[in-house]
């Protein structure tokens, strides 16, 4: 590029799983950025995102300020502008293995953004946090979450069986870390931070390959650098919008 991108900003909060996905990629690629704190449906979030969500990705190029929304679009942009330390094979590669791997990564990103997120966050993680805030007893919380947890286990079992973990690979799409890992990890890190995450934690984990993958992820520097002010770090939101 004849001109460089400057003033890279990410609008969101550390607690947001999709914000963390983008941060993981930026940290992994050593891309300097500023985190602008914003909750969804607030004036700051609405300033950059027409649908009042987070994250948004801001940058300046050739004297003009630009904004991108939607995490998948942001990650594709990051890969195109900063191809160093790749998080997927090149999109322009004609090698069939690269083409297939990219398709698999896209599949796993979609699985993470839909099935995993929707089975982990609203019905289990956020529900538990709300029940705890309402000072419900633990046995009542467990009872209220029973159906959601059963559905969650089915989704995670399918993820484990469909990903490359089934072939004893190190990461979800193979032996290299990719965006697929960075999309799946944040909601599962939230899950691990509550009682319902025992299925992917410790020696008694039911989903042993997912648990081992989580352990590997937690040794990665970008994961450590983005842990502050997440559930994984012991942080709890002052309020929830379910």
C-alpha atoms as a PDB file:
ATOM      1  CA  UNK A   1       0.000   0.000   0.000  1.00  0.00           C
ATOM      2  CA  UNK A   2       1.322   3.455  -0.865  1.00  0.00           C
ATOM      3  CA  UNK A   3      -0.209   4.930   2.282  1.00  0.00           C
ATOM      4  CA  UNK A   4      -0.511   3.349   5.690  1.00  0.00           C
ATOM      5  CA  UNK A   5      -3.518   2.937   7.926  1.00  0.00           C
ATOM      6  CA  UNK A   6      -3.238   5.049  11.057  1.00  0.00           C
ATOM      7  CA  UNK A   7      -5.251   5.640  14.211  1.00  0.00           C
ATOM      8  CA  UNK A   8      -6.620   2.107  14.458  1.00  0.00           C
ATOM      9  CA  UNK A   9      -9.416   1.917  17.042  1.00  0.00           C
ATOM     10  CA  UNK A  10     -11.601  -0.900  18.282  1.00  0.00           C
ATOM     11  CA  UNK A  11     -14.915   0.093  19.812  1.00  0.00           C
ATOM     12  CA  UNK A  12     -16.194  -2.349  22.419  1.00  0.00           C
ATOM     13  CA  UNK A  13     -15.522  -3.722  25.895  1.00  0.00           C
ATOM     14  CA  UNK A  14     -13.217  -6.505  27.126  1.00  0.00           C
ATOM     15  CA  UNK A  15     -16.277  -8.419  28.399  1.00  0.00           C
ATOM     16  CA  UNK A  16     -17.695  -8.688  24.863  1.00  0.00           C
ATOM     17  CA  UNK A  17     -16.798 -11.996  23.237  1.00  0.00           C
ATOM     18  CA  UNK A  18     -16.763 -10.590  19.697  1.00  0.00           C
ATOM     19  CA  UNK A  19     -14.686  -7.611  20.809  1.00  0.00           C
ATOM     20  CA  UNK A  20     -12.252 -10.081  22.335  1.00  0.00           C
ATOM     21  CA  UNK A  21     -12.100 -12.055  19.081  1.00  0.00           C
ATOM     22  CA  UNK A  22     -10.870  -8.975  17.220  1.00  0.00           C
ATOM     23  CA  UNK A  23      -8.484  -8.069  20.031  1.00  0.00           C
ATOM     24  CA  UNK A  24      -7.008 -11.582  19.933  1.00  0.00           C
ATOM     25  CA  UNK A  25      -6.210 -11.159  16.247  1.00  0.00           C
ATOM     26  CA  UNK A  26      -4.767  -7.673  16.696  1.00  0.00           C
ATOM     27  CA  UNK A  27      -2.590  -8.830  19.585  1.00  0.00           C
ATOM     28  CA  UNK A  28      -1.478 -11.971  17.741  1.00  0.00           C
ATOM     29  CA  UNK A  29      -0.403  -9.841  14.769  1.00  0.00           C
ATOM     30  CA  UNK A  30       1.150  -7.128  17.012  1.00  0.00           C
ATOM     31  CA  UNK A  31      -1.031  -4.425  15.459  1.00  0.00           C
ATOM     32  CA  UNK A  32      -1.168  -1.219  17.553  1.00  0.00           C
ATOM     33  CA  UNK A  33      -4.721  -0.123  18.366  1.00  0.00           C
ATOM     34  CA  UNK A  34      -6.735   1.883  20.857  1.00  0.00           C
ATOM     35  CA  UNK A  35      -9.670   0.281  22.652  1.00  0.00           C
ATOM     36  CA  UNK A  36     -12.605   2.693  22.947  1.00  0.00           C
ATOM     37  CA  UNK A  37     -14.843   1.447  25.742  1.00  0.00           C
ATOM     38  CA  UNK A  38     -18.494   1.181  24.707  1.00  0.00           C
ATOM     39  CA  UNK A  39     -21.394  -1.019  25.701  1.00  0.00           C
ATOM     40  CA  UNK A  40     -23.928  -1.943  23.006  1.00  0.00           C
ATOM     41  CA  UNK A  41     -26.958   0.324  22.654  1.00  0.00           C
ATOM     42  CA  UNK A  42     -25.087   3.327  24.048  1.00  0.00           C
ATOM     43  CA  UNK A  43     -24.291   6.662  22.425  1.00  0.00           C
ATOM     44  CA  UNK A  44     -20.662   5.688  21.808  1.00  0.00           C
ATOM     45  CA  UNK A  45     -21.576   2.355  20.213  1.00  0.00           C
ATOM     46  CA  UNK A  46     -24.341   3.980  18.158  1.00  0.00           C
ATOM     47  CA  UNK A  47     -21.924   6.594  16.845  1.00  0.00           C
ATOM     48  CA  UNK A  48     -20.065   3.909  14.892  1.00  0.00           C
ATOM     49  CA  UNK A  49     -22.531   1.037  14.476  1.00  0.00           C
ATOM     50  CA  UNK A  50     -25.916   1.628  12.796  1.00  0.00           C
ATOM     51  CA  UNK A  51     -27.361  -1.419  14.552  1.00  0.00           C
ATOM     52  CA  UNK A  52     -26.146  -0.287  17.997  1.00  0.00           C
ATOM     53  CA  UNK A  53     -23.800  -3.234  18.553  1.00  0.00           C
ATOM     54  CA  UNK A  54     -20.117  -3.819  19.195  1.00  0.00           C
ATOM     55  CA  UNK A  55     -17.411  -4.127  18.024  1.00  0.00           C
ATOM     56  CA  UNK A  56     -16.680  -1.479  15.427  1.00  0.00           C
ATOM     57  CA  UNK A  57     -13.285  -1.059  13.799  1.00  0.00           C
ATOM     58  CA  UNK A  58     -12.098   2.462  13.001  1.00  0.00           C
ATOM     59  CA  UNK A  59      -9.053   3.592  11.069  1.00  0.00           C
ATOM     60  CA  UNK A  60      -7.764   6.502   9.033  1.00  0.00           C
ATOM     61  CA  UNK A  61      -6.452   6.118   5.503  1.00  0.00           C
ATOM     62  CA  UNK A  62      -5.378   8.826   3.072  1.00  0.00           C
ATOM     63  CA  UNK A  63      -6.812  11.493   5.346  1.00  0.00           C
ATOM     64  CA  UNK A  64     -10.246   9.892   5.652  1.00  0.00           C
ATOM     65  CA  UNK A  65     -11.748   8.147   8.674  1.00  0.00           C
ATOM     66  CA  UNK A  66     -13.397   4.803   7.962  1.00  0.00           C
ATOM     67  CA  UNK A  67     -15.401   2.342  10.040  1.00  0.00           C
ATOM     68  CA  UNK A  68     -16.076  -1.356   9.579  1.00  0.00           C
ATOM     69  CA  UNK A  69     -18.680  -3.373  11.462  1.00  0.00           C
ATOM     70  CA  UNK A  70     -19.380  -7.107  11.815  1.00  0.00           C
ATOM     71  CA  UNK A  71     -16.599  -9.280  13.154  1.00  0.00           C
ATOM     72  CA  UNK A  72     -16.186 -11.539  10.113  1.00  0.00           C
ATOM     73  CA  UNK A  73     -15.759  -8.520   7.831  1.00  0.00           C
ATOM     74  CA  UNK A  74     -13.285  -6.944  10.252  1.00  0.00           C
ATOM     75  CA  UNK A  75     -11.156 -10.098  10.405  1.00  0.00           C
ATOM     76  CA  UNK A  76     -11.056 -10.385   6.620  1.00  0.00           C
ATOM     77  CA  UNK A  77      -9.931  -6.762   6.408  1.00  0.00           C
ATOM     78  CA  UNK A  78      -7.233  -7.288   9.030  1.00  0.00           C
ATOM     79  CA  UNK A  79      -5.896 -10.311   7.121  1.00  0.00           C
ATOM     80  CA  UNK A  80      -5.798  -8.383   3.850  1.00  0.00           C
ATOM     81  CA  UNK A  81      -4.020  -5.340   5.295  1.00  0.00           C
ATOM     82  CA  UNK A  82      -1.698  -7.167   7.689  1.00  0.00           C
ATOM     83  CA  UNK A  83      -0.899 -10.567   6.110  1.00  0.00           C
ATOM     84  CA  UNK A  84       2.096 -11.058   8.392  1.00  0.00           C
ATOM     85  CA  UNK A  85       1.550 -13.699  11.071  1.00  0.00           C
ATOM     86  CA  UNK A  86      -1.338 -15.233   9.083  1.00  0.00           C
ATOM     87  CA  UNK A  87      -4.419 -16.508  10.854  1.00  0.00           C
ATOM     88  CA  UNK A  88      -5.618 -18.399   7.772  1.00  0.00           C
ATOM     89  CA  UNK A  89      -4.151 -19.349   4.385  1.00  0.00           C
ATOM     90  CA  UNK A  90      -4.059 -16.618   1.761  1.00  0.00           C
ATOM     91  CA  UNK A  91      -7.439 -16.009   0.154  1.00  0.00           C
ATOM     92  CA  UNK A  92      -5.771 -15.738  -3.243  1.00  0.00           C
ATOM     93  CA  UNK A  93      -3.990 -19.085  -2.985  1.00  0.00           C
ATOM     94  CA  UNK A  94      -4.900 -21.583  -5.714  1.00  0.00           C
ATOM     95  CA  UNK A  95      -3.649 -24.514  -3.647  1.00  0.00           C
ATOM     96  CA  UNK A  96      -6.557 -26.874  -3.002  1.00  0.00           C
ATOM     97  CA  UNK A  97      -5.457 -27.518   0.570  1.00  0.00           C
ATOM     98  CA  UNK A  98      -5.479 -23.776   1.294  1.00  0.00           C
ATOM     99  CA  UNK A  99      -8.873 -23.360  -0.343  1.00  0.00           C
ATOM    100  CA  UNK A 100     -10.336 -26.202   1.698  1.00  0.00           C
ATOM    101  CA  UNK A 101      -8.750 -24.946   4.933  1.00  0.00           C
ATOM    102  CA  UNK A 102     -10.194 -21.487   4.357  1.00  0.00           C
ATOM    103  CA  UNK A 103     -13.625 -23.010   3.766  1.00  0.00           C
ATOM    104  CA  UNK A 104     -13.290 -25.019   6.976  1.00  0.00           C
ATOM    105  CA  UNK A 105     -12.235 -21.918   8.915  1.00  0.00           C
ATOM    106  CA  UNK A 106     -15.256 -20.044   7.547  1.00  0.00           C
ATOM    107  CA  UNK A 107     -17.485 -22.934   8.624  1.00  0.00           C
ATOM    108  CA  UNK A 108     -16.078 -22.892  12.145  1.00  0.00           C
ATOM    109  CA  UNK A 109     -16.428 -19.106  12.394  1.00  0.00           C
ATOM    110  CA  UNK A 110     -20.079 -19.434  11.441  1.00  0.00           C
ATOM    111  CA  UNK A 111     -20.546 -22.283  13.938  1.00  0.00           C
ATOM    112  CA  UNK A 112     -18.930 -20.174  16.669  1.00  0.00           C
ATOM    113  CA  UNK A 113     -20.920 -17.049  15.855  1.00  0.00           C
ATOM    114  CA  UNK A 114     -24.235 -18.832  15.744  1.00  0.00           C
ATOM    115  CA  UNK A 115     -24.503 -22.223  17.445  1.00  0.00           C
ATOM    116  CA  UNK A 116     -21.763 -21.854  20.052  1.00  0.00           C
ATOM    117  CA  UNK A 117     -22.425 -18.242  21.015  1.00  0.00           C
ATOM    118  CA  UNK A 118     -26.196 -18.677  21.059  1.00  0.00           C
ATOM    119  CA  UNK A 119     -26.023 -21.805  23.201  1.00  0.00           C
ATOM    120  CA  UNK A 120     -23.427 -20.431  25.633  1.00  0.00           C
ATOM    121  CA  UNK A 121     -24.007 -16.754  26.215  1.00  0.00           C
ATOM    122  CA  UNK A 122     -27.710 -15.800  26.486  1.00  0.00           C
ATOM    123  CA  UNK A 123     -29.208 -19.039  27.863  1.00  0.00           C
ATOM    124  CA  UNK A 124     -26.391 -20.117  30.193  1.00  0.00           C
ATOM    125  CA  UNK A 125     -23.719 -17.516  31.020  1.00  0.00           C
ATOM    126  CA  UNK A 126     -25.882 -14.399  31.091  1.00  0.00           C
ATOM    127  CA  UNK A 127     -28.788 -16.277  32.606  1.00  0.00           C
ATOM    128  CA  UNK A 128     -26.597 -17.545  35.463  1.00  0.00           C
ATOM    129  CA  UNK A 129     -25.174 -14.082  36.106  1.00  0.00           C
ATOM    130  CA  UNK A 130     -28.661 -12.653  36.285  1.00  0.00           C
ATOM    131  CA  UNK A 131     -29.857 -15.402  38.637  1.00  0.00           C
ATOM    132  CA  UNK A 132     -26.835 -14.801  40.858  1.00  0.00           C
ATOM    133  CA  UNK A 133     -27.535 -11.069  40.874  1.00  0.00           C
ATOM    134  CA  UNK A 134     -31.128 -11.844  41.859  1.00  0.00           C
ATOM    135  CA  UNK A 135     -29.648 -13.879  44.755  1.00  0.00           C
ATOM    136  CA  UNK A 136     -31.236 -17.149  43.758  1.00  0.00           C
ATOM    137  CA  UNK A 137     -29.995 -20.256  45.548  1.00  0.00           C
ATOM    138  CA  UNK A 138     -27.490 -22.471  43.706  1.00  0.00           C
ATOM    139  CA  UNK A 139     -29.803 -25.486  43.548  1.00  0.00           C
ATOM    140  CA  UNK A 140     -32.508 -23.295  42.000  1.00  0.00           C
ATOM    141  CA  UNK A 141     -30.071 -21.905  39.431  1.00  0.00           C
ATOM    142  CA  UNK A 142     -28.960 -25.411  38.460  1.00  0.00           C
ATOM    143  CA  UNK A 143     -32.594 -26.443  38.019  1.00  0.00           C
ATOM    144  CA  UNK A 144     -33.451 -23.371  35.943  1.00  0.00           C
ATOM    145  CA  UNK A 145     -30.463 -23.955  33.642  1.00  0.00           C
ATOM    146  CA  UNK A 146     -30.919 -27.713  33.175  1.00  0.00           C
ATOM    147  CA  UNK A 147     -32.515 -27.651  29.724  1.00  0.00           C
ATOM    148  CA  UNK A 148     -30.149 -24.971  28.395  1.00  0.00           C
ATOM    149  CA  UNK A 149     -27.113 -26.864  29.679  1.00  0.00           C
ATOM    150  CA  UNK A 150     -28.271 -30.083  28.000  1.00  0.00           C
ATOM    151  CA  UNK A 151     -28.648 -28.247  24.684  1.00  0.00           C
ATOM    152  CA  UNK A 152     -25.247 -26.618  25.213  1.00  0.00           C
ATOM    153  CA  UNK A 153     -23.570 -29.993  25.742  1.00  0.00           C
ATOM    154  CA  UNK A 154     -25.055 -31.249  22.480  1.00  0.00           C
ATOM    155  CA  UNK A 155     -23.659 -28.255  20.580  1.00  0.00           C
ATOM    156  CA  UNK A 156     -20.197 -28.569  22.136  1.00  0.00           C
ATOM    157  CA  UNK A 157     -20.097 -32.306  21.479  1.00  0.00           C
ATOM    158  CA  UNK A 158     -20.818 -31.631  17.813  1.00  0.00           C
ATOM    159  CA  UNK A 159     -18.136 -28.917  17.726  1.00  0.00           C
ATOM    160  CA  UNK A 160     -15.556 -31.295  19.176  1.00  0.00           C
ATOM    161  CA  UNK A 161     -16.519 -34.055  16.742  1.00  0.00           C
ATOM    162  CA  UNK A 162     -16.632 -31.763  13.683  1.00  0.00           C
ATOM    163  CA  UNK A 163     -13.453 -29.768  14.270  1.00  0.00           C
ATOM    164  CA  UNK A 164      -9.901 -30.959  13.598  1.00  0.00           C
ATOM    165  CA  UNK A 165      -9.639 -31.835  17.283  1.00  0.00           C
ATOM    166  CA  UNK A 166     -11.233 -35.166  16.409  1.00  0.00           C
ATOM    167  CA  UNK A 167      -8.050 -35.972  14.459  1.00  0.00           C
ATOM    168  CA  UNK A 168      -5.893 -34.933  17.418  1.00  0.00           C
ATOM    169  CA  UNK A 169      -4.841 -31.674  15.804  1.00  0.00           C
ATOM    170  CA  UNK A 170      -3.707 -28.840  18.057  1.00  0.00           C
ATOM    171  CA  UNK A 171      -6.330 -26.302  17.000  1.00  0.00           C
ATOM    172  CA  UNK A 172      -9.858 -26.271  15.611  1.00  0.00           C
ATOM    173  CA  UNK A 173      -8.890 -26.083  11.933  1.00  0.00           C
ATOM    174  CA  UNK A 174      -5.569 -27.953  12.089  1.00  0.00           C
ATOM    175  CA  UNK A 175      -2.145 -27.590  13.679  1.00  0.00           C
ATOM    176  CA  UNK A 176      -2.002 -23.800  13.275  1.00  0.00           C
ATOM    177  CA  UNK A 177      -4.006 -21.272  15.250  1.00  0.00           C
ATOM    178  CA  UNK A 178      -6.580 -19.461  13.105  1.00  0.00           C
ATOM    179  CA  UNK A 179      -9.527 -17.100  13.370  1.00  0.00           C
ATOM    180  CA  UNK A 180     -11.665 -20.173  14.034  1.00  0.00           C
ATOM    181  CA  UNK A 181      -9.959 -20.526  17.410  1.00  0.00           C
ATOM    182  CA  UNK A 182     -10.306 -16.832  18.144  1.00  0.00           C
ATOM    183  CA  UNK A 183     -14.053 -16.906  17.437  1.00  0.00           C
ATOM    184  CA  UNK A 184     -14.726 -20.030  19.496  1.00  0.00           C
ATOM    185  CA  UNK A 185     -12.486 -19.308  22.447  1.00  0.00           C
ATOM    186  CA  UNK A 186     -14.089 -16.195  24.058  1.00  0.00           C
ATOM    187  CA  UNK A 187     -17.575 -17.650  24.710  1.00  0.00           C
ATOM    188  CA  UNK A 188     -16.052 -20.905  25.933  1.00  0.00           C
ATOM    189  CA  UNK A 189     -13.724 -18.949  28.233  1.00  0.00           C
ATOM    190  CA  UNK A 190     -16.857 -17.333  29.683  1.00  0.00           C
ATOM    191  CA  UNK A 191     -18.396 -20.763  30.114  1.00  0.00           C
ATOM    192  CA  UNK A 192     -15.302 -22.030  31.906  1.00  0.00           C
ATOM    193  CA  UNK A 193     -15.671 -19.161  34.376  1.00  0.00           C
ATOM    194  CA  UNK A 194     -18.994 -20.474  35.726  1.00  0.00           C
ATOM    195  CA  UNK A 195     -20.111 -23.771  37.234  1.00  0.00           C
ATOM    196  CA  UNK A 196     -21.677 -24.970  33.987  1.00  0.00           C
ATOM    197  CA  UNK A 197     -18.232 -24.958  32.364  1.00  0.00           C
ATOM    198  CA  UNK A 198     -17.075 -28.090  34.178  1.00  0.00           C
ATOM    199  CA  UNK A 199     -17.691 -30.077  30.980  1.00  0.00           C
ATOM    200  CA  UNK A 200     -14.601 -28.424  29.445  1.00  0.00           C
ATOM    201  CA  UNK A 201     -12.486 -27.971  32.577  1.00  0.00           C
ATOM    202  CA  UNK A 202     -10.278 -30.113  34.757  1.00  0.00           C
ATOM    203  CA  UNK A 203      -9.631 -33.830  34.958  1.00  0.00           C
ATOM    204  CA  UNK A 204     -13.370 -34.602  35.081  1.00  0.00           C
ATOM    205  CA  UNK A 205     -14.112 -32.756  31.813  1.00  0.00           C
ATOM    206  CA  UNK A 206     -16.601 -34.640  29.655  1.00  0.00           C
ATOM    207  CA  UNK A 207     -15.315 -33.062  26.435  1.00  0.00           C
ATOM    208  CA  UNK A 208     -11.662 -33.904  26.857  1.00  0.00           C
ATOM    209  CA  UNK A 209     -10.401 -32.681  23.488  1.00  0.00           C
ATOM    210  CA  UNK A 210     -12.131 -29.320  23.844  1.00  0.00           C
ATOM    211  CA  UNK A 211     -10.766 -29.038  27.378  1.00  0.00           C
ATOM    212  CA  UNK A 212      -7.222 -29.773  26.177  1.00  0.00           C
ATOM    213  CA  UNK A 213      -7.637 -27.204  23.382  1.00  0.00           C
ATOM    214  CA  UNK A 214      -8.779 -24.608  25.945  1.00  0.00           C
ATOM    215  CA  UNK A 215      -5.689 -25.369  28.021  1.00  0.00           C
ATOM    216  CA  UNK A 216      -3.460 -24.812  24.985  1.00  0.00           C
ATOM    217  CA  UNK A 217      -5.228 -21.556  24.168  1.00  0.00           C
ATOM    218  CA  UNK A 218      -4.621 -20.248  27.664  1.00  0.00           C
ATOM    219  CA  UNK A 219      -0.846 -20.501  27.176  1.00  0.00           C
ATOM    220  CA  UNK A 220      -0.933 -18.113  24.200  1.00  0.00           C
ATOM    221  CA  UNK A 221       0.217 -14.547  24.854  1.00  0.00           C
ATOM    222  CA  UNK A 222      -2.649 -12.892  22.954  1.00  0.00           C
ATOM    223  CA  UNK A 223      -5.105 -14.769  25.165  1.00  0.00           C
ATOM    224  CA  UNK A 224      -3.295 -13.642  28.302  1.00  0.00           C
ATOM    225  CA  UNK A 225      -3.175 -10.035  27.087  1.00  0.00           C
ATOM    226  CA  UNK A 226      -6.954  -9.913  26.472  1.00  0.00           C
ATOM    227  CA  UNK A 227      -8.024 -11.604  29.702  1.00  0.00           C
ATOM    228  CA  UNK A 228      -8.346  -8.515  31.894  1.00  0.00           C
ATOM    229  CA  UNK A 229     -11.925  -7.480  32.712  1.00  0.00           C
ATOM    230  CA  UNK A 230     -13.476 -10.668  31.357  1.00  0.00           C
ATOM    231  CA  UNK A 231     -15.409 -13.337  33.241  1.00  0.00           C
ATOM    232  CA  UNK A 232     -12.288 -15.456  32.982  1.00  0.00           C
ATOM    233  CA  UNK A 233     -10.496 -12.767  34.985  1.00  0.00           C
ATOM    234  CA  UNK A 234     -13.163 -12.807  37.682  1.00  0.00           C
ATOM    235  CA  UNK A 235     -14.884  -9.644  36.447  1.00  0.00           C
ATOM    236  CA  UNK A 236     -18.667  -9.430  36.626  1.00  0.00           C
ATOM    237  CA  UNK A 237     -20.806  -6.890  34.758  1.00  0.00           C
ATOM    238  CA  UNK A 238     -22.623  -4.332  36.930  1.00  0.00           C
ATOM    239  CA  UNK A 239     -25.774  -4.929  34.908  1.00  0.00           C
ATOM    240  CA  UNK A 240     -26.959  -7.158  32.091  1.00  0.00           C
ATOM    241  CA  UNK A 241     -29.146  -6.641  29.081  1.00  0.00           C
ATOM    242  CA  UNK A 242     -30.553 -10.073  28.195  1.00  0.00           C
END
